[in-house]
Amino acid sequence: MTIIAWDGQTLAADKQGTNYGCAYAVTKIHRVPGGLVAFSGSGSHAAELLKWFEAGRPADAYPVGTEENGAGSMFIASDRKIFIFAHNGPHPELIEERFFARGAVRDYALAAMHLGKSAREAVEVACFFDTSCGKGIDVLEIE
């Protein structure tokens, strides 16, 4: 499971990946041309999507995933706009919120940020209440 949080300045995510009950550490957030990106879902599809983001997001080259084996992504543009991409297409949804969270335990993170906590603190709260995320926290700030 995954928790990703954006507080308007900082993007944070837990580091836990899980495969057939085995938990391990991975990096889910990255700096890419034009902003920051975070992934949830299939690690192999996320790796393909990271290459696509690094290549400048050409619409005709989007690596389509499936519902069973796809990853979603949250892109924070340099101007701090929030975009979410589904596993199946290059056209994102613009999220018109000051802060946002994505992942299986997003409700904990959203509540924490609503109460004034940072993205990092929101991920800490989510990891405290749900054992399906953890293994540390990565943090990136928009430049």
N, C-alpha and C. Protein backbone atom coordinates (compact mmCIF):
# COMPACT_ATOMS: atom_id res chain seq x y z
N MET A 1 0.83 -1.17 0.00
CA MET A 1 0.00 0.00 0.00
C MET A 1 0.88 1.24 0.00
N THR A 2 0.29 2.36 -0.25
CA THR A 2 1.04 3.59 -0.42
C THR A 2 0.31 4.75 0.23
N ILE A 3 1.09 5.70 0.73
CA ILE A 3 0.56 6.99 1.12
C ILE A 3 1.47 8.07 0.54
N ILE A 4 0.86 8.98 -0.19
CA ILE A 4 1.54 10.13 -0.80
C ILE A 4 0.80 11.37 -0.34
N ALA A 5 1.54 12.39 0.09
CA ALA A 5 0.90 13.63 0.55
C ALA A 5 1.61 14.84 -0.02
N TRP A 6 0.84 15.85 -0.37
CA TRP A 6 1.34 17.13 -0.89
C TRP A 6 0.69 18.22 -0.07
N ASP A 7 1.50 19.11 0.52
CA ASP A 7 0.96 20.16 1.38
C ASP A 7 1.04 21.56 0.77
N GLY A 8 1.39 21.64 -0.50
CA GLY A 8 1.53 22.93 -1.17
C GLY A 8 2.98 23.34 -1.36
N GLN A 9 3.89 22.71 -0.66
CA GLN A 9 5.32 22.97 -0.77
C GLN A 9 6.13 21.68 -0.83
N THR A 10 5.67 20.68 -0.09
CA THR A 10 6.43 19.45 0.08
C THR A 10 5.62 18.24 -0.35
N LEU A 11 6.29 17.33 -1.07
CA LEU A 11 5.71 16.05 -1.45
C LEU A 11 6.38 14.98 -0.59
N ALA A 12 5.60 14.14 0.04
CA ALA A 12 6.14 13.09 0.90
C ALA A 12 5.44 11.77 0.59
N ALA A 13 6.17 10.68 0.78
CA ALA A 13 5.60 9.35 0.56
C ALA A 13 6.31 8.34 1.45
N ASP A 14 5.57 7.31 1.82
CA ASP A 14 6.19 6.20 2.52
C ASP A 14 7.07 5.44 1.53
N LYS A 15 7.87 4.53 2.02
CA LYS A 15 8.80 3.79 1.19
C LYS A 15 8.46 2.31 1.04
N GLN A 16 7.34 1.85 1.61
CA GLN A 16 7.08 0.42 1.62
C GLN A 16 6.47 -0.09 0.32
N GLY A 17 7.15 -1.05 -0.26
CA GLY A 17 6.59 -1.84 -1.35
C GLY A 17 6.27 -3.20 -0.79
N THR A 18 5.30 -3.88 -1.39
CA THR A 18 4.92 -5.20 -0.90
C THR A 18 4.66 -6.11 -2.09
N ASN A 19 5.18 -7.33 -1.99
CA ASN A 19 4.94 -8.32 -3.04
C ASN A 19 4.68 -9.66 -2.37
N TYR A 20 3.46 -10.15 -2.50
CA TYR A 20 3.06 -11.43 -1.91
C TYR A 20 3.40 -11.50 -0.43
N GLY A 21 3.11 -10.43 0.30
CA GLY A 21 3.31 -10.40 1.74
C GLY A 21 4.70 -10.03 2.20
N CYS A 22 5.63 -9.84 1.28
CA CYS A 22 7.01 -9.46 1.64
C CYS A 22 7.15 -7.95 1.47
N ALA A 23 7.50 -7.25 2.55
CA ALA A 23 7.66 -5.79 2.50
C ALA A 23 9.13 -5.43 2.28
N TYR A 24 9.37 -4.39 1.49
CA TYR A 24 10.72 -3.92 1.17
C TYR A 24 10.66 -2.42 0.93
N ALA A 25 11.83 -1.77 0.96
CA ALA A 25 11.89 -0.32 0.78
C ALA A 25 12.07 0.04 -0.70
N VAL A 26 11.32 1.04 -1.15
CA VAL A 26 11.41 1.57 -2.52
C VAL A 26 11.27 3.09 -2.46
N THR A 27 11.59 3.76 -3.55
CA THR A 27 11.39 5.20 -3.66
C THR A 27 10.19 5.45 -4.56
N LYS A 28 9.20 6.19 -4.06
CA LYS A 28 7.96 6.44 -4.78
C LYS A 28 7.84 7.85 -5.31
N ILE A 29 8.74 8.77 -4.90
CA ILE A 29 8.67 10.16 -5.38
C ILE A 29 9.98 10.53 -6.06
N HIS A 30 9.86 11.36 -7.10
CA HIS A 30 11.02 11.71 -7.93
C HIS A 30 10.90 13.14 -8.45
N ARG A 31 12.05 13.73 -8.68
CA ARG A 31 12.12 15.03 -9.34
C ARG A 31 12.23 14.74 -10.84
N VAL A 32 11.36 15.35 -11.65
CA VAL A 32 11.35 15.16 -13.09
C VAL A 32 11.26 16.53 -13.77
N PRO A 33 11.50 16.60 -15.08
CA PRO A 33 11.36 17.89 -15.76
C PRO A 33 9.98 18.49 -15.52
N GLY A 34 9.95 19.71 -15.03
CA GLY A 34 8.70 20.42 -14.82
C GLY A 34 8.06 20.23 -13.47
N GLY A 35 8.66 19.42 -12.58
CA GLY A 35 8.05 19.26 -11.26
C GLY A 35 8.47 18.01 -10.53
N LEU A 36 7.52 17.48 -9.75
CA LEU A 36 7.73 16.29 -8.93
C LEU A 36 6.66 15.27 -9.29
N VAL A 37 6.99 13.98 -9.15
CA VAL A 37 6.01 12.94 -9.43
C VAL A 37 6.09 11.87 -8.35
N ALA A 38 4.93 11.29 -8.04
CA ALA A 38 4.82 10.21 -7.08
C ALA A 38 3.97 9.10 -7.67
N PHE A 39 4.28 7.86 -7.30
CA PHE A 39 3.58 6.70 -7.86
C PHE A 39 2.98 5.83 -6.78
N SER A 40 1.85 5.23 -7.12
CA SER A 40 1.23 4.19 -6.31
C SER A 40 0.79 3.08 -7.24
N GLY A 41 0.79 1.87 -6.74
CA GLY A 41 0.39 0.73 -7.57
C GLY A 41 1.58 -0.10 -7.99
N SER A 42 1.49 -0.70 -9.15
CA SER A 42 2.51 -1.62 -9.65
C SER A 42 3.88 -0.95 -9.80
N GLY A 43 4.89 -1.54 -9.18
CA GLY A 43 6.24 -1.00 -9.26
C GLY A 43 6.81 -1.05 -10.66
N SER A 44 6.53 -2.11 -11.42
CA SER A 44 7.07 -2.20 -12.78
C SER A 44 6.43 -1.16 -13.69
N HIS A 45 5.11 -0.94 -13.55
CA HIS A 45 4.47 0.10 -14.36
C HIS A 45 4.94 1.49 -13.92
N ALA A 46 5.16 1.67 -12.61
CA ALA A 46 5.68 2.95 -12.11
C ALA A 46 7.05 3.24 -12.72
N ALA A 47 7.90 2.22 -12.88
CA ALA A 47 9.22 2.41 -13.48
C ALA A 47 9.08 2.87 -14.94
N GLU A 48 8.12 2.30 -15.67
CA GLU A 48 7.87 2.74 -17.04
C GLU A 48 7.37 4.18 -17.07
N LEU A 49 6.46 4.50 -16.16
CA LEU A 49 5.91 5.85 -16.09
C LEU A 49 7.00 6.87 -15.73
N LEU A 50 7.92 6.50 -14.84
CA LEU A 50 9.01 7.41 -14.50
C LEU A 50 9.83 7.75 -15.73
N LYS A 51 10.14 6.77 -16.56
CA LYS A 51 10.88 7.04 -17.81
C LYS A 51 10.08 7.99 -18.71
N TRP A 52 8.75 7.80 -18.75
CA TRP A 52 7.89 8.66 -19.56
C TRP A 52 7.92 10.10 -19.04
N PHE A 53 7.84 10.29 -17.73
CA PHE A 53 7.92 11.62 -17.15
C PHE A 53 9.29 12.25 -17.43
N GLU A 54 10.34 11.46 -17.30
CA GLU A 54 11.70 11.97 -17.54
C GLU A 54 11.89 12.38 -19.00
N ALA A 55 11.14 11.75 -19.91
CA ALA A 55 11.22 12.08 -21.34
C ALA A 55 10.35 13.26 -21.72
N GLY A 56 9.70 13.89 -20.76
CA GLY A 56 8.89 15.07 -21.05
C GLY A 56 7.41 14.80 -21.27
N ARG A 57 6.92 13.61 -20.99
CA ARG A 57 5.51 13.24 -21.06
C ARG A 57 4.90 13.30 -22.46
N PRO A 58 5.55 12.71 -23.47
CA PRO A 58 4.94 12.72 -24.81
C PRO A 58 3.66 11.89 -24.83
N ALA A 59 2.54 12.51 -25.22
CA ALA A 59 1.23 11.85 -25.15
C ALA A 59 1.18 10.56 -25.95
N ASP A 60 1.86 10.52 -27.08
CA ASP A 60 1.79 9.32 -27.93
C ASP A 60 2.66 8.17 -27.43
N ALA A 61 3.40 8.38 -26.36
CA ALA A 61 4.28 7.33 -25.84
C ALA A 61 3.90 6.89 -24.42
N TYR A 62 2.69 7.20 -23.97
CA TYR A 62 2.27 6.85 -22.62
C TYR A 62 2.27 5.33 -22.44
N PRO A 63 2.96 4.82 -21.42
CA PRO A 63 2.97 3.37 -21.18
C PRO A 63 1.70 2.94 -20.44
N VAL A 64 0.74 2.42 -21.16
CA VAL A 64 -0.55 2.05 -20.60
C VAL A 64 -0.40 0.82 -19.70
N GLY A 65 -1.01 0.90 -18.52
CA GLY A 65 -1.07 -0.23 -17.61
C GLY A 65 -2.47 -0.79 -17.59
N THR A 66 -2.66 -1.86 -16.86
CA THR A 66 -3.99 -2.46 -16.73
C THR A 66 -4.53 -2.18 -15.34
N GLU A 67 -5.81 -2.43 -15.14
CA GLU A 67 -6.39 -2.25 -13.81
C GLU A 67 -5.71 -3.17 -12.79
N GLU A 68 -5.35 -4.37 -13.22
CA GLU A 68 -4.73 -5.34 -12.31
C GLU A 68 -3.24 -5.06 -12.08
N ASN A 69 -2.56 -4.49 -13.07
CA ASN A 69 -1.12 -4.30 -12.98
C ASN A 69 -0.71 -2.92 -13.47
N GLY A 70 -1.37 -1.90 -12.95
CA GLY A 70 -1.06 -0.54 -13.36
C GLY A 70 -0.69 0.32 -12.18
N ALA A 71 -0.11 1.44 -12.47
CA ALA A 71 0.24 2.42 -11.43
C ALA A 71 -0.46 3.73 -11.74
N GLY A 72 -0.80 4.44 -10.70
CA GLY A 72 -1.30 5.79 -10.84
C GLY A 72 -0.20 6.74 -10.45
N SER A 73 -0.30 7.97 -10.89
CA SER A 73 0.74 8.94 -10.53
C SER A 73 0.11 10.28 -10.17
N MET A 74 0.84 10.98 -9.32
CA MET A 74 0.48 12.34 -8.95
C MET A 74 1.64 13.22 -9.35
N PHE A 75 1.38 14.19 -10.21
CA PHE A 75 2.40 15.10 -10.71
C PHE A 75 2.16 16.48 -10.10
N ILE A 76 3.19 17.02 -9.48
CA ILE A 76 3.13 18.38 -8.95
C ILE A 76 3.96 19.24 -9.89
N ALA A 77 3.30 20.11 -10.63
CA ALA A 77 3.99 20.97 -11.59
C ALA A 77 4.78 22.05 -10.83
N SER A 78 5.75 22.63 -11.51
CA SER A 78 6.58 23.67 -10.90
C SER A 78 5.75 24.83 -10.34
N ASP A 79 4.57 25.07 -10.93
CA ASP A 79 3.69 26.14 -10.43
C ASP A 79 2.77 25.65 -9.29
N ARG A 80 3.04 24.45 -8.79
CA ARG A 80 2.35 23.82 -7.66
C ARG A 80 0.95 23.28 -7.98
N LYS A 81 0.59 23.23 -9.24
CA LYS A 81 -0.67 22.61 -9.61
C LYS A 81 -0.54 21.10 -9.45
N ILE A 82 -1.63 20.48 -9.05
CA ILE A 82 -1.67 19.05 -8.78
C ILE A 82 -2.41 18.35 -9.92
N PHE A 83 -1.78 17.34 -10.50
CA PHE A 83 -2.39 16.54 -11.55
C PHE A 83 -2.31 15.07 -11.18
N ILE A 84 -3.40 14.33 -11.40
CA ILE A 84 -3.33 12.89 -11.20
C ILE A 84 -3.59 12.18 -12.53
N PHE A 85 -2.78 11.17 -12.77
CA PHE A 85 -2.87 10.35 -13.97
C PHE A 85 -3.37 8.97 -13.58
N ALA A 86 -4.27 8.42 -14.38
CA ALA A 86 -4.71 7.05 -14.20
C ALA A 86 -3.70 6.12 -14.88
N HIS A 87 -3.89 4.84 -14.69
CA HIS A 87 -2.98 3.85 -15.28
C HIS A 87 -3.12 3.75 -16.79
N ASN A 88 -4.21 4.28 -17.36
CA ASN A 88 -4.52 3.98 -18.75
C ASN A 88 -4.48 5.15 -19.72
N GLY A 89 -3.92 6.30 -19.34
CA GLY A 89 -3.89 7.37 -20.31
C GLY A 89 -3.08 8.58 -19.90
N PRO A 90 -2.64 9.36 -20.89
CA PRO A 90 -1.74 10.49 -20.65
C PRO A 90 -2.43 11.81 -20.30
N HIS A 91 -3.74 11.78 -20.14
CA HIS A 91 -4.47 13.02 -19.89
C HIS A 91 -4.87 13.09 -18.42
N PRO A 92 -4.23 13.98 -17.66
CA PRO A 92 -4.45 14.01 -16.21
C PRO A 92 -5.68 14.80 -15.81
N GLU A 93 -6.06 14.58 -14.58
CA GLU A 93 -7.11 15.37 -13.95
C GLU A 93 -6.43 16.44 -13.09
N LEU A 94 -6.86 17.68 -13.21
CA LEU A 94 -6.34 18.77 -12.39
C LEU A 94 -7.10 18.78 -11.08
N ILE A 95 -6.37 18.73 -9.98
CA ILE A 95 -6.96 18.77 -8.64
C ILE A 95 -6.85 20.20 -8.14
N GLU A 96 -7.98 20.82 -7.85
CA GLU A 96 -8.00 22.23 -7.45
C GLU A 96 -8.08 22.37 -5.93
N GLU A 97 -7.07 21.85 -5.27
CA GLU A 97 -7.00 21.89 -3.82
C GLU A 97 -5.63 22.43 -3.40
N ARG A 98 -5.55 22.96 -2.20
CA ARG A 98 -4.27 23.47 -1.67
C ARG A 98 -3.36 22.32 -1.28
N PHE A 99 -3.94 21.24 -0.72
CA PHE A 99 -3.17 20.05 -0.38
C PHE A 99 -3.95 18.83 -0.84
N PHE A 100 -3.24 17.71 -0.95
CA PHE A 100 -3.88 16.51 -1.50
C PHE A 100 -3.12 15.28 -1.03
N ALA A 101 -3.79 14.16 -0.98
CA ALA A 101 -3.14 12.89 -0.65
C ALA A 101 -3.71 11.80 -1.54
N ARG A 102 -2.88 10.82 -1.78
CA ARG A 102 -3.27 9.70 -2.63
C ARG A 102 -2.75 8.41 -2.00
N GLY A 103 -3.46 7.34 -2.21
CA GLY A 103 -3.04 6.04 -1.70
C GLY A 103 -4.10 5.43 -0.81
N ALA A 104 -3.84 4.22 -0.40
CA ALA A 104 -4.83 3.44 0.34
C ALA A 104 -5.23 4.07 1.66
N VAL A 105 -4.34 4.80 2.30
CA VAL A 105 -4.65 5.39 3.61
C VAL A 105 -4.66 6.92 3.54
N ARG A 106 -5.11 7.43 2.42
CA ARG A 106 -5.10 8.88 2.20
C ARG A 106 -5.94 9.65 3.20
N ASP A 107 -6.99 9.03 3.72
CA ASP A 107 -7.88 9.74 4.64
C ASP A 107 -7.14 10.21 5.89
N TYR A 108 -6.23 9.37 6.42
CA TYR A 108 -5.43 9.78 7.57
C TYR A 108 -4.59 11.01 7.24
N ALA A 109 -3.95 10.96 6.07
CA ALA A 109 -3.07 12.06 5.67
C ALA A 109 -3.86 13.34 5.42
N LEU A 110 -5.00 13.22 4.75
CA LEU A 110 -5.83 14.41 4.50
C LEU A 110 -6.30 15.04 5.81
N ALA A 111 -6.71 14.21 6.75
CA ALA A 111 -7.15 14.74 8.05
C ALA A 111 -6.00 15.45 8.76
N ALA A 112 -4.81 14.86 8.72
CA ALA A 112 -3.66 15.48 9.38
C ALA A 112 -3.34 16.83 8.75
N MET A 113 -3.35 16.92 7.42
CA MET A 113 -3.05 18.20 6.76
C MET A 113 -4.16 19.21 7.00
N HIS A 114 -5.40 18.75 7.05
CA HIS A 114 -6.53 19.64 7.38
C HIS A 114 -6.32 20.28 8.75
N LEU A 115 -5.67 19.55 9.66
CA LEU A 115 -5.40 20.04 11.01
C LEU A 115 -4.07 20.80 11.10
N GLY A 116 -3.46 21.10 9.94
CA GLY A 116 -2.26 21.94 9.92
C GLY A 116 -0.93 21.21 9.89
N LYS A 117 -0.93 19.90 9.76
CA LYS A 117 0.31 19.15 9.70
C LYS A 117 0.93 19.24 8.31
N SER A 118 2.25 19.05 8.25
CA SER A 118 2.97 19.06 6.97
C SER A 118 2.74 17.73 6.25
N ALA A 119 3.16 17.67 4.99
CA ALA A 119 3.04 16.43 4.22
C ALA A 119 3.82 15.30 4.90
N ARG A 120 5.01 15.59 5.38
CA ARG A 120 5.80 14.57 6.07
C ARG A 120 5.06 14.07 7.32
N GLU A 121 4.55 14.99 8.10
CA GLU A 121 3.81 14.60 9.30
C GLU A 121 2.55 13.81 8.94
N ALA A 122 1.91 14.17 7.84
CA ALA A 122 0.71 13.46 7.40
C ALA A 122 1.05 12.02 7.03
N VAL A 123 2.18 11.81 6.37
CA VAL A 123 2.61 10.45 6.05
C VAL A 123 2.95 9.68 7.33
N GLU A 124 3.59 10.35 8.27
CA GLU A 124 3.89 9.70 9.56
C GLU A 124 2.61 9.23 10.25
N VAL A 125 1.59 10.09 10.25
CA VAL A 125 0.31 9.73 10.87
C VAL A 125 -0.29 8.51 10.16
N ALA A 126 -0.32 8.54 8.83
CA ALA A 126 -0.90 7.43 8.08
C ALA A 126 -0.15 6.12 8.36
N CYS A 127 1.18 6.19 8.42
CA CYS A 127 1.98 4.99 8.69
C CYS A 127 1.76 4.48 10.11
N PHE A 128 1.51 5.39 11.04
CA PHE A 128 1.24 4.99 12.42
C PHE A 128 -0.03 4.16 12.52
N PHE A 129 -1.05 4.56 11.77
CA PHE A 129 -2.35 3.91 11.88
C PHE A 129 -2.55 2.73 10.94
N ASP A 130 -1.67 2.55 9.96
CA ASP A 130 -1.86 1.45 9.02
C ASP A 130 -0.53 0.75 8.75
N THR A 131 -0.45 -0.51 9.05
CA THR A 131 0.79 -1.27 8.91
C THR A 131 1.13 -1.61 7.46
N SER A 132 0.26 -1.30 6.52
CA SER A 132 0.55 -1.59 5.11
C SER A 132 1.43 -0.54 4.46
N CYS A 133 1.80 0.49 5.21
CA CYS A 133 2.75 1.48 4.70
C CYS A 133 3.81 1.72 5.76
N GLY A 134 4.94 2.23 5.34
CA GLY A 134 6.04 2.47 6.27
C GLY A 134 7.39 2.34 5.60
N LYS A 135 8.35 1.73 6.28
CA LYS A 135 9.73 1.53 5.81
C LYS A 135 10.47 2.84 5.59
N GLY A 136 10.01 3.91 6.22
CA GLY A 136 10.65 5.21 6.08
C GLY A 136 9.81 6.16 5.25
N ILE A 137 10.31 7.39 5.11
CA ILE A 137 9.59 8.44 4.38
C ILE A 137 10.59 9.20 3.52
N ASP A 138 10.22 9.41 2.26
CA ASP A 138 10.98 10.28 1.36
C ASP A 138 10.25 11.62 1.25
N VAL A 139 11.00 12.70 1.12
CA VAL A 139 10.44 14.05 1.03
C VAL A 139 11.17 14.82 -0.06
N LEU A 140 10.41 15.51 -0.91
CA LEU A 140 10.96 16.43 -1.90
C LEU A 140 10.20 17.75 -1.82
N GLU A 141 10.90 18.85 -2.05
CA GLU A 141 10.25 20.16 -2.09
C GLU A 141 10.32 20.72 -3.50
N ILE A 142 9.30 21.49 -3.86
CA ILE A 142 9.29 22.16 -5.16
C ILE A 142 10.32 23.27 -5.10
N GLU A 143 11.06 23.43 -6.14
CA GLU A 143 12.11 24.47 -6.15
C GLU A 143 11.61 25.76 -6.72
